[in-house]
Amino acid sequence: MSNRARATRKTTLNKDKAWIFGICARLADYLKLDPAIVRVIGIVGALFMPKIMVAGYLLAWLILEDKFRPR
């Protein structure tokens, strides 16, 4: 992928695979990983750094916009 295409790629929430807000599902899509792996990493991170993980999760939820899904 070229630098220009990478710069124009937009990160949005993924409500199709979401459990709560879709943050882990979107991060998994972006990194091309299984959403379960990202969720496990998030839970383990929350056990060791709860304030940072909760703040980061809520910040990502506020910053990222919903993915447009035509009906």
N, C-alpha and C. Protein backbone atom coordinates (compact mmCIF):
# COMPACT_ATOMS: atom_id res chain seq x y z
N MET A 1 0.85 -1.17 0.00
CA MET A 1 0.00 0.00 0.00
C MET A 1 0.89 1.23 0.00
N SER A 2 0.58 2.18 -0.84
CA SER A 2 1.39 3.38 -0.93
C SER A 2 1.13 4.29 0.27
N ASN A 3 2.05 5.22 0.47
CA ASN A 3 1.90 6.15 1.59
C ASN A 3 0.66 7.02 1.43
N ARG A 4 0.36 7.38 0.18
CA ARG A 4 -0.81 8.23 -0.06
C ARG A 4 -2.10 7.48 0.27
N ALA A 5 -2.19 6.22 -0.14
CA ALA A 5 -3.38 5.43 0.16
C ALA A 5 -3.50 5.19 1.65
N ARG A 6 -2.39 4.98 2.32
CA ARG A 6 -2.41 4.76 3.78
C ARG A 6 -2.85 6.02 4.50
N ALA A 7 -2.45 7.19 4.02
CA ALA A 7 -2.80 8.44 4.67
C ALA A 7 -4.28 8.76 4.50
N THR A 8 -4.91 8.30 3.40
CA THR A 8 -6.30 8.61 3.16
C THR A 8 -7.25 7.57 3.74
N ARG A 9 -6.73 6.45 4.23
CA ARG A 9 -7.58 5.41 4.82
C ARG A 9 -8.13 5.93 6.14
N LYS A 10 -9.44 5.84 6.28
CA LYS A 10 -10.11 6.40 7.45
C LYS A 10 -10.48 5.29 8.43
N THR A 11 -10.27 5.53 9.70
CA THR A 11 -10.61 4.57 10.73
C THR A 11 -11.97 4.92 11.33
N THR A 12 -12.88 3.96 11.30
CA THR A 12 -14.22 4.16 11.83
C THR A 12 -14.57 3.00 12.75
N LEU A 13 -15.62 3.14 13.50
CA LEU A 13 -16.08 2.06 14.37
C LEU A 13 -16.70 0.96 13.53
N ASN A 14 -16.59 -0.27 13.99
CA ASN A 14 -17.16 -1.41 13.30
C ASN A 14 -18.29 -1.97 14.15
N LYS A 15 -19.52 -1.59 13.84
CA LYS A 15 -20.68 -2.03 14.62
C LYS A 15 -21.15 -3.42 14.23
N ASP A 16 -20.69 -3.95 13.09
CA ASP A 16 -21.11 -5.28 12.64
C ASP A 16 -20.58 -6.38 13.55
N LYS A 17 -19.35 -6.25 14.03
CA LYS A 17 -18.71 -7.26 14.87
C LYS A 17 -18.57 -6.78 16.31
N ALA A 18 -19.27 -5.71 16.66
CA ALA A 18 -19.08 -5.06 17.95
C ALA A 18 -19.69 -5.84 19.10
N TRP A 19 -19.05 -5.76 20.25
CA TRP A 19 -19.62 -6.26 21.49
C TRP A 19 -20.17 -5.08 22.29
N ILE A 20 -19.35 -4.06 22.47
CA ILE A 20 -19.80 -2.90 23.24
C ILE A 20 -19.91 -1.68 22.31
N PHE A 21 -18.78 -1.11 21.92
CA PHE A 21 -18.80 0.07 21.04
C PHE A 21 -18.16 -0.20 19.68
N GLY A 22 -17.48 -1.32 19.52
CA GLY A 22 -16.85 -1.64 18.24
C GLY A 22 -15.39 -1.23 18.15
N ILE A 23 -14.79 -0.82 19.25
CA ILE A 23 -13.40 -0.37 19.23
C ILE A 23 -12.47 -1.54 18.92
N CYS A 24 -12.59 -2.63 19.63
CA CYS A 24 -11.71 -3.79 19.41
C CYS A 24 -11.93 -4.39 18.02
N ALA A 25 -13.17 -4.43 17.56
CA ALA A 25 -13.45 -4.97 16.23
C ALA A 25 -12.81 -4.12 15.15
N ARG A 26 -12.87 -2.81 15.30
CA ARG A 26 -12.26 -1.92 14.30
C ARG A 26 -10.75 -2.01 14.35
N LEU A 27 -10.19 -2.08 15.52
CA LEU A 27 -8.74 -2.23 15.64
C LEU A 27 -8.28 -3.55 15.04
N ALA A 28 -9.05 -4.60 15.23
CA ALA A 28 -8.73 -5.89 14.63
C ALA A 28 -8.80 -5.83 13.11
N ASP A 29 -9.81 -5.14 12.57
CA ASP A 29 -9.90 -4.97 11.12
C ASP A 29 -8.70 -4.20 10.59
N TYR A 30 -8.33 -3.14 11.29
CA TYR A 30 -7.22 -2.28 10.87
C TYR A 30 -5.90 -3.05 10.88
N LEU A 31 -5.70 -3.90 11.90
CA LEU A 31 -4.46 -4.66 12.03
C LEU A 31 -4.52 -6.02 11.34
N LYS A 32 -5.68 -6.35 10.76
CA LYS A 32 -5.91 -7.63 10.08
C LYS A 32 -5.69 -8.82 11.02
N LEU A 33 -6.32 -8.72 12.20
CA LEU A 33 -6.28 -9.77 13.21
C LEU A 33 -7.70 -10.22 13.53
N ASP A 34 -7.80 -11.32 14.23
CA ASP A 34 -9.09 -11.80 14.70
C ASP A 34 -9.54 -10.89 15.86
N PRO A 35 -10.81 -10.45 15.87
CA PRO A 35 -11.27 -9.59 16.96
C PRO A 35 -11.11 -10.21 18.36
N ALA A 36 -11.19 -11.53 18.46
CA ALA A 36 -11.03 -12.19 19.76
C ALA A 36 -9.63 -11.95 20.32
N ILE A 37 -8.62 -11.94 19.47
CA ILE A 37 -7.25 -11.70 19.94
C ILE A 37 -7.13 -10.29 20.50
N VAL A 38 -7.69 -9.32 19.80
CA VAL A 38 -7.62 -7.93 20.26
C VAL A 38 -8.39 -7.77 21.57
N ARG A 39 -9.53 -8.44 21.68
CA ARG A 39 -10.30 -8.36 22.93
C ARG A 39 -9.54 -8.96 24.11
N VAL A 40 -8.88 -10.08 23.89
CA VAL A 40 -8.09 -10.71 24.97
C VAL A 40 -6.93 -9.80 25.38
N ILE A 41 -6.27 -9.20 24.40
CA ILE A 41 -5.18 -8.26 24.71
C ILE A 41 -5.73 -7.07 25.50
N GLY A 42 -6.91 -6.59 25.12
CA GLY A 42 -7.53 -5.47 25.84
C GLY A 42 -7.89 -5.84 27.27
N ILE A 43 -8.41 -7.04 27.47
CA ILE A 43 -8.78 -7.48 28.82
C ILE A 43 -7.54 -7.66 29.69
N VAL A 44 -6.50 -8.28 29.15
CA VAL A 44 -5.25 -8.46 29.90
C VAL A 44 -4.64 -7.10 30.23
N GLY A 45 -4.66 -6.19 29.26
CA GLY A 45 -4.16 -4.84 29.50
C GLY A 45 -4.95 -4.12 30.58
N ALA A 46 -6.27 -4.35 30.58
CA ALA A 46 -7.12 -3.71 31.59
C ALA A 46 -6.86 -4.26 32.99
N LEU A 47 -6.42 -5.51 33.07
CA LEU A 47 -6.10 -6.08 34.38
C LEU A 47 -4.85 -5.43 34.99
N PHE A 48 -3.88 -5.08 34.13
CA PHE A 48 -2.62 -4.52 34.62
C PHE A 48 -2.61 -2.99 34.62
N MET A 49 -3.36 -2.36 33.71
CA MET A 49 -3.41 -0.90 33.62
C MET A 49 -4.85 -0.44 33.42
N PRO A 50 -5.70 -0.62 34.41
CA PRO A 50 -7.13 -0.37 34.20
C PRO A 50 -7.47 1.08 33.84
N LYS A 51 -6.85 2.04 34.50
CA LYS A 51 -7.18 3.44 34.23
C LYS A 51 -6.78 3.84 32.82
N ILE A 52 -5.61 3.40 32.38
CA ILE A 52 -5.13 3.74 31.04
C ILE A 52 -5.99 3.07 29.98
N MET A 53 -6.34 1.81 30.17
CA MET A 53 -7.13 1.08 29.17
C MET A 53 -8.55 1.64 29.08
N VAL A 54 -9.17 1.93 30.21
CA VAL A 54 -10.52 2.49 30.19
C VAL A 54 -10.50 3.87 29.55
N ALA A 55 -9.52 4.69 29.90
CA ALA A 55 -9.43 6.02 29.31
C ALA A 55 -9.18 5.93 27.80
N GLY A 56 -8.30 5.04 27.38
CA GLY A 56 -8.02 4.87 25.96
C GLY A 56 -9.22 4.36 25.20
N TYR A 57 -9.95 3.43 25.78
CA TYR A 57 -11.15 2.87 25.14
C TYR A 57 -12.22 3.94 24.97
N LEU A 58 -12.47 4.70 26.03
CA LEU A 58 -13.48 5.75 25.95
C LEU A 58 -13.06 6.87 25.01
N LEU A 59 -11.79 7.20 25.00
CA LEU A 59 -11.28 8.22 24.08
C LEU A 59 -11.43 7.77 22.63
N ALA A 60 -11.12 6.52 22.36
CA ALA A 60 -11.29 5.99 21.00
C ALA A 60 -12.76 6.01 20.61
N TRP A 61 -13.64 5.70 21.54
CA TRP A 61 -15.08 5.71 21.25
C TRP A 61 -15.56 7.12 20.91
N LEU A 62 -15.03 8.11 21.61
CA LEU A 62 -15.43 9.49 21.35
C LEU A 62 -14.84 10.03 20.04
N ILE A 63 -13.63 9.62 19.70
CA ILE A 63 -12.95 10.16 18.52
C ILE A 63 -13.42 9.49 17.23
N LEU A 64 -13.53 8.17 17.24
CA LEU A 64 -13.88 7.45 16.01
C LEU A 64 -15.36 7.64 15.70
N GLU A 65 -15.65 7.75 14.41
CA GLU A 65 -17.04 7.90 14.01
C GLU A 65 -17.60 6.57 13.52
N ASP A 66 -18.91 6.47 13.47
CA ASP A 66 -19.56 5.25 13.01
C ASP A 66 -19.33 5.04 11.52
N LYS A 67 -19.17 3.78 11.16
CA LYS A 67 -19.01 3.43 9.75
C LYS A 67 -20.36 3.57 9.06
N PHE A 68 -20.38 4.24 7.92
CA PHE A 68 -21.62 4.41 7.17
C PHE A 68 -21.99 3.10 6.52
N ARG A 69 -23.21 2.64 6.80
CA ARG A 69 -23.72 1.41 6.21
C ARG A 69 -24.98 1.73 5.41
N PRO A 70 -24.92 1.66 4.09
CA PRO A 70 -26.14 1.94 3.33
C PRO A 70 -27.18 0.84 3.56
N ARG A 71 -28.44 1.20 3.56
CA ARG A 71 -29.50 0.24 3.81
C ARG A 71 -30.23 -0.10 2.54
